[in-house]
Every structure is written in C-alpha cells, then in structure tokens.
Protein backbone atom coordinates (compact mmCIF):
# COMPACT_ATOMS: atom_id res chain seq x y z
CA MET A 1 -24.24 38.93 -8.42
CA LEU A 2 -22.37 41.40 -6.50
CA GLY A 3 -25.15 43.78 -5.32
CA PRO A 4 -27.21 41.20 -3.18
CA ARG A 5 -23.96 40.17 -1.38
CA LEU A 6 -22.85 43.87 -0.80
CA LEU A 7 -26.25 44.60 0.37
CA VAL A 8 -26.40 41.39 3.03
CA SER A 9 -22.70 42.14 4.41
CA GLY A 10 -23.41 45.75 4.66
CA LEU A 11 -26.30 44.87 6.89
CA TYR A 12 -24.56 41.71 8.65
CA ALA A 13 -24.23 41.49 12.32
CA GLY A 14 -24.40 37.82 12.53
CA LYS A 15 -23.87 36.77 16.54
CA ASN A 16 -23.59 40.49 17.49
CA ALA A 17 -26.84 41.23 16.23
CA ILE A 18 -28.85 44.00 18.92
CA LEU A 19 -32.46 44.55 18.45
CA TYR A 20 -34.35 47.25 20.08
CA SER A 21 -37.76 48.92 20.40
CA GLY A 22 -39.15 51.94 22.58
CA PRO A 23 -38.37 55.10 23.96
CA GLY A 24 -34.58 55.00 24.92
CA ALA A 25 -34.00 51.77 23.70
CA LYS A 26 -32.02 52.83 20.87
CA ALA A 27 -29.35 54.61 23.18
CA LEU A 28 -29.19 51.46 25.16
CA ALA A 29 -28.58 49.36 21.91
CA ALA A 30 -25.63 51.80 21.24
CA ALA A 31 -24.06 51.74 24.58
CA SER A 32 -24.03 47.75 24.22
CA SER A 33 -21.37 45.75 23.03
CA GLY A 34 -22.91 44.62 20.23
CA ILE A 35 -24.06 45.79 16.44
CA PRO A 36 -27.19 47.43 16.12
CA ILE A 37 -28.56 48.11 12.59
CA PHE A 38 -27.38 51.60 12.78
CA LYS A 39 -23.57 50.59 13.42
CA THR A 40 -23.87 48.35 10.19
CA THR A 41 -21.96 49.86 7.03
CA ILE A 42 -25.30 50.48 5.36
CA GLY A 43 -27.53 51.19 8.30
CA GLY A 44 -25.12 53.52 9.52
CA ALA A 45 -25.04 55.63 6.29
CA MET A 46 -29.08 55.45 6.18
CA ASN A 47 -28.96 56.57 9.75
CA TRP A 48 -26.28 59.73 9.04
CA ILE A 49 -28.20 60.52 5.91
CA GLU A 50 -31.61 60.72 7.74
CA THR A 51 -29.95 62.51 10.76
CA HIS A 52 -28.29 65.13 8.58
CA SER A 53 -31.58 66.02 6.81
CA ILE A 54 -30.56 64.87 3.39
CA VAL A 55 -33.21 62.72 2.86
CA GLN A 56 -36.10 60.71 4.69
CA PHE A 57 -36.18 56.96 3.67
CA PRO A 58 -39.42 55.61 2.95
CA ARG A 59 -40.77 53.12 5.73
CA ILE A 60 -40.25 50.36 3.13
CA VAL A 61 -36.50 51.03 2.99
CA TRP A 62 -35.87 50.77 6.78
CA ASN A 63 -38.29 47.26 6.76
CA VAL A 64 -36.26 45.76 3.93
CA ALA A 65 -33.09 46.60 5.52
CA SER A 66 -34.37 45.16 9.21
CA ALA A 67 -35.63 42.07 7.36
CA ILE A 68 -32.21 41.57 5.94
CA TYR A 69 -30.05 42.53 9.22
CA ALA A 70 -32.45 40.26 10.99
CA ALA A 71 -32.01 37.23 8.64
CA THR A 72 -28.24 37.47 9.32
CA ALA A 73 -28.54 37.16 12.99
CA THR A 74 -27.25 34.15 14.57
CA GLY A 75 -26.86 32.60 18.04
CA THR A 76 -28.30 34.41 21.13
CA VAL A 77 -29.71 38.04 19.65
CA ARG A 78 -29.88 40.58 22.71
CA VAL A 79 -33.22 42.75 22.43
CA PHE A 80 -34.01 46.11 24.47
CA LEU A 81 -37.21 46.81 24.83
CA THR A 82 -38.27 49.64 27.07
CA GLU A 83 -41.81 50.77 28.78
CA GLY A 84 -43.77 51.94 25.80
CA ALA A 85 -42.37 49.96 23.13
CA ASN A 86 -45.00 49.85 20.14
CA TYR A 87 -46.48 46.73 18.51
CA SER A 88 -46.39 48.52 15.37
CA SER A 89 -42.62 48.92 15.51
CA THR A 90 -40.31 47.35 13.00
CA PHE A 91 -38.89 45.35 15.54
CA TYR A 92 -42.38 43.59 16.28
CA ARG A 93 -43.53 43.63 12.44
CA ILE A 94 -40.24 42.60 10.93
CA GLU A 95 -37.25 41.69 13.03
CA ALA A 96 -38.89 39.28 15.34
CA GLN A 97 -40.75 37.77 12.87
CA VAL A 98 -37.89 37.03 10.58
CA ILE A 99 -35.75 35.54 13.44
CA LYS A 100 -38.77 33.59 14.72
CA PHE A 101 -39.44 32.00 11.14
CA LEU A 102 -35.80 31.37 10.20
CA GLY A 103 -35.33 29.81 13.81
CA LYS A 104 -31.70 30.08 13.79
CA ALA A 105 -31.29 32.58 16.31
CA GLU A 106 -32.82 32.92 20.14
CA MET A 107 -33.93 36.22 21.31
CA VAL A 108 -32.97 37.26 24.94
CA PHE A 109 -34.87 40.28 26.35
CA LYS A 110 -33.05 42.86 28.50
C-alpha cells in the first residue's frame, strides 16, 4: 500500500517536530531550526494552496494531517505557545493528545 506510506512520509518530522499555538506562534515555529507541519511536503502544499486562495481545506483535513504529523514525532518536541493560545486549537485538541497517547515523545514548551 503505497498511499498510506506516502501520506505519512509527506507529514513526517520525527525528532525535528515543532508544534505551535497562539498569535505569532507560527512565525516562531517558522524561525526555529525544526520542522513545523507547514514545512513538510504535504503540510507545505496544503498551506501554499490555502495561502493562494485556491481552496480552503475543511478543518477535518488539517486535523487528520496534524494527527499523522504528531504521531511521527519522536524524542523531544518543542512547542511554541504564545499568550492567547486557544484550548480549542489543533494543538490542544489533536497534536498534544496524540503525543500523550503514544508516549514516544516529550513536549518541551518554549
């Protein structure tokens, strides 16, 4: 099954995973030396498509992509949270829960 492998590899960051939430946190993640979801092959393509107003993906698409991205995280995962981070964000609802459930990565908040 090539499809699932391509999907996982296109959202893979491993030990370089960077999570973020809150105003300005995306810029902090982008400036870091890690790989936030929007710097992966699939996440980058999705971000580019939305930025150029080609299509707006339903929230469920980003939720699934974020769950796969978080599931591939290993080691220490840096998390950028800024003041005003929302508990209904993808980070809190999806990514943090996946990492906690799998228990194969440790989150360090910056």
